[in-house]
Protein backbone atom coordinates (compact mmCIF):
# COMPACT_ATOMS: atom_id res chain seq x y z
CA MET A 1 126.48 111.43 101.68
CA GLN A 2 124.31 109.17 103.71
CA THR A 3 121.34 110.88 104.98
CA ASN A 4 119.40 108.77 107.68
CA PHE A 5 116.20 110.75 107.62
CA PHE A 6 113.81 108.18 106.51
CA ARG A 7 114.65 105.65 108.61
CA GLN A 8 114.14 108.22 111.76
CA ILE A 9 110.92 108.54 109.98
CA GLY A 10 110.03 105.14 109.97
CA LYS A 11 110.77 104.96 113.50
CA LEU A 12 108.12 107.36 114.12
CA ASN A 13 105.47 104.38 113.60
CA LEU A 14 102.86 106.69 112.26
CA THR A 15 99.72 105.70 110.84
CA GLY A 16 98.31 108.09 107.50
CA ASP A 17 100.03 110.36 105.07
CA LEU A 18 103.16 112.21 105.72
CA GLN A 19 103.36 116.11 104.06
CA ILE A 20 106.06 118.08 104.14
CA THR A 21 106.24 121.26 102.72
CA LEU A 22 109.19 123.91 102.51
CA ARG A 23 109.72 127.00 101.48
CA GLN A 24 113.08 129.09 101.61
CA GLY A 25 112.29 132.16 103.63
CA ALA A 26 114.05 135.77 103.87
CA GLU A 27 118.04 135.25 104.95
CA ASN A 28 118.94 131.70 104.72
CA SER A 29 116.22 130.04 106.73
CA PHE A 30 113.58 128.41 105.71
CA VAL A 31 109.70 127.40 106.32
CA LEU A 32 108.70 124.27 107.49
CA SER A 33 105.13 122.69 107.35
CA VAL A 34 104.24 119.20 108.61
CA LEU A 35 101.19 118.01 108.25
CA LEU A 36 99.74 114.06 109.24
CA ASN A 37 96.73 113.02 107.23
CA ASN A 38 94.56 110.19 107.93
CA GLU A 39 91.99 109.05 105.33
CA GLN A 40 90.87 105.95 107.62
CA CYS A 41 89.50 108.03 109.80
CA GLY A 42 85.89 108.54 109.38
CA ASP A 43 85.76 111.21 111.84
CA GLU A 44 85.61 115.27 110.12
CA ALA A 45 87.50 116.45 113.12
CA ARG A 46 90.47 115.10 111.80
CA LYS A 47 90.93 118.13 109.18
CA THR A 48 90.55 120.56 112.35
CA ILE A 49 94.46 119.03 113.27
CA PRO A 50 96.68 121.94 112.03
CA PRO A 51 99.81 121.10 110.74
CA LEU A 52 103.35 121.68 112.48
CA ASN A 53 105.50 125.32 111.42
CA LEU A 54 108.67 125.57 112.18
CA MET A 55 111.10 128.07 110.88
CA GLY A 56 114.85 128.09 111.05
CA THR A 57 118.12 128.03 109.36
CA ALA A 58 119.48 124.66 107.08
CA GLU A 59 121.46 123.53 110.44
CA GLU A 60 118.96 124.45 112.81
CA LEU A 61 116.78 122.25 110.89
CA ASP A 62 119.41 119.64 110.72
CA ASN A 63 119.57 119.51 114.21
CA GLY A 64 116.74 119.99 115.68
CA PHE A 65 113.95 119.29 113.31
CA PHE A 66 113.16 114.99 114.51
CA GLU A 67 112.96 116.04 118.01
CA SER A 68 110.93 119.23 117.10
CA ILE A 69 108.71 116.65 115.44
CA SER A 70 108.59 113.22 116.86
CA THR A 71 105.99 114.36 120.08
CA PRO A 72 103.73 115.93 118.29
CA LEU A 73 103.06 113.69 115.12
CA GLN A 74 102.84 110.90 117.17
CA THR A 75 100.00 112.66 119.23
CA ALA A 76 98.19 113.85 116.14
CA SER A 77 98.53 109.72 114.31
CA GLY A 78 97.29 108.35 118.17
CA LEU A 79 94.61 111.27 118.28
CA MET A 80 93.17 109.88 114.75
CA VAL A 81 93.57 106.31 115.41
CA ASP A 82 91.35 106.51 118.49
CA MET A 83 89.16 108.90 116.64
CA GLU A 84 88.60 106.11 114.00
CA SER A 85 88.48 103.25 116.67
CA PHE A 86 85.82 105.34 118.73
CA MET A 87 83.37 105.90 115.24
CA LYS A 88 83.43 102.01 114.68
CA GLN A 89 82.28 101.51 118.46
CA VAL A 90 80.06 104.36 117.90
CA GLU A 91 78.19 102.22 114.87
CA GLU A 92 78.44 99.05 116.84
CA ALA A 93 76.38 100.86 119.78
CA LYS A 94 74.09 102.23 117.30
CA LYS A 95 72.87 98.58 115.63
CA LYS A 96 72.85 97.64 119.13
CA SER A 97 70.66 99.89 120.87
CA ALA A 98 66.89 99.20 121.15
CA MET A 99 66.07 101.97 118.59
CA GLU A 100 68.22 99.82 116.34
CA LYS A 101 66.65 96.70 117.37
CA GLU A 102 63.02 98.37 117.18
CA LYS A 103 63.43 99.52 113.88
CA SER A 104 64.83 96.56 112.61
CA ASP A 105 61.80 93.95 114.08
CA LYS A 106 59.78 96.24 112.38
CA GLU A 107 60.65 95.96 109.03
CA LYS A 108 60.56 92.14 110.39
CA LYS A 109 57.11 92.66 110.94
CA GLU A 110 56.28 94.38 107.49
CA LYS A 111 58.03 91.71 105.78
CA GLU A 112 56.37 89.38 107.18
CA GLY A 113 52.79 90.59 106.98
CA LYS A 114 53.92 91.02 102.62
CA ASP A 115 54.89 87.45 102.42
CA LYS A 116 51.66 86.85 104.11
CA LYS A 117 49.80 89.19 101.76
CA TYR A 118 51.77 87.15 99.00
CA LYS A 119 50.73 83.70 100.01
CA GLU A 120 47.19 84.10 100.51
CA ALA A 121 46.21 85.81 96.60
CA LEU A 122 48.67 83.45 95.56
CA GLN A 123 46.48 80.74 97.61
CA LYS A 124 43.12 82.03 95.90
CA ALA A 125 44.61 82.62 93.12
CA GLU A 126 45.21 78.28 93.15
CA GLU A 127 41.65 77.34 94.26
CA LEU A 128 39.72 79.21 91.29
CA GLU A 129 42.39 77.42 89.17
CA LYS A 130 41.06 74.25 90.34
CA ASP A 131 37.70 75.19 89.53
CA GLY A 132 38.88 75.73 86.55
CA LYS A 133 38.31 80.34 86.42
CA TYR A 134 41.69 80.41 84.68
CA LYS A 135 40.67 84.10 83.95
CA GLU A 136 39.77 84.97 87.84
CA ALA A 137 42.79 82.70 89.17
CA TRP A 138 45.48 85.39 86.97
CA SER A 139 43.35 88.63 88.34
CA ALA A 140 43.64 87.17 91.80
CA LEU A 141 47.88 86.63 91.11
CA PRO A 142 49.19 88.99 93.75
CA LYS A 143 50.84 91.86 91.17
CA VAL A 144 54.44 91.71 90.30
CA SER A 145 55.05 95.42 90.82
CA GLU A 146 54.04 94.80 94.76
CA PHE A 147 55.91 91.84 94.98
CA PRO A 148 58.55 91.74 92.99
CA ASP A 149 61.18 89.28 94.67
CA TYR A 150 58.14 86.47 93.65
CA ALA A 151 58.32 87.98 89.92
CA GLU A 152 59.56 84.78 88.26
CA ILE A 153 56.73 82.51 89.81
CA ILE A 154 54.23 84.95 89.43
CA ARG A 155 54.94 85.67 85.88
CA LYS A 156 55.31 81.30 85.19
CA LYS A 157 51.71 81.14 86.87
CA GLN A 158 50.38 84.40 83.99
CA ASP A 159 51.23 82.06 81.65
CA GLU A 160 49.98 78.62 83.21
CA TYR A 161 46.61 80.66 83.19
CA GLU A 162 46.53 82.37 80.20
CA LYS A 163 47.13 79.15 78.18
CA HIS A 164 43.58 78.47 79.15
CA PHE A 165 42.32 82.11 77.73
CA ALA A 166 42.16 81.37 74.59
CA PRO A 167 42.70 78.87 72.19
CA SER A 168 45.38 80.48 70.14
CA LEU A 169 45.69 79.80 66.36
CA PHE A 170 49.89 79.02 66.68
CA SER A 171 49.41 76.11 69.98
CA GLU A 172 49.38 72.56 68.46
CA THR A 173 46.40 71.70 69.46
CA THR A 174 43.73 70.27 67.37
CA ASN A 175 40.44 71.10 66.46
CA GLU A 176 38.83 67.83 67.82
CA ASN A 177 40.24 69.33 71.29
CA VAL A 178 38.33 72.45 70.97
CA GLU A 179 34.95 70.46 70.18
CA SER A 180 34.68 68.31 72.62
């Protein structure tokens, strides 16, 4: 026996997962529940679309199944695709809105202010370094916790200044260098 059930389903051109539940009812009848679910649709309203329920004998369902489900399932499929498209357009509009631009501008100004504070602290430390005031230069360096984006640079400068604090027992400097 050859059927064309899946070819007929394919012709419906549905977007999503088709769930079909069949239960045998009383006196040679069947209850058939058909639900289309599109997980790609971000709108939670898609979950409110009820399943299509059909009841009838095997012969009645064979003869009228596709005629009964075609229009409702194609409508539901189109609705969920439109809902997803709508959600994407709303997100795009939100990005372009004046409020979002204002928020973005505010964040940009905060970052510029923070960068300026970092550069000023670094410049002060470098001026103290030129004067040979390494401990003050180390203290003037920006804090790593406040500027995590510049952590590597700050740590290198700290290491550089720490070399001038006190002679190390393990360094290669000789007593001649210390006495001068």
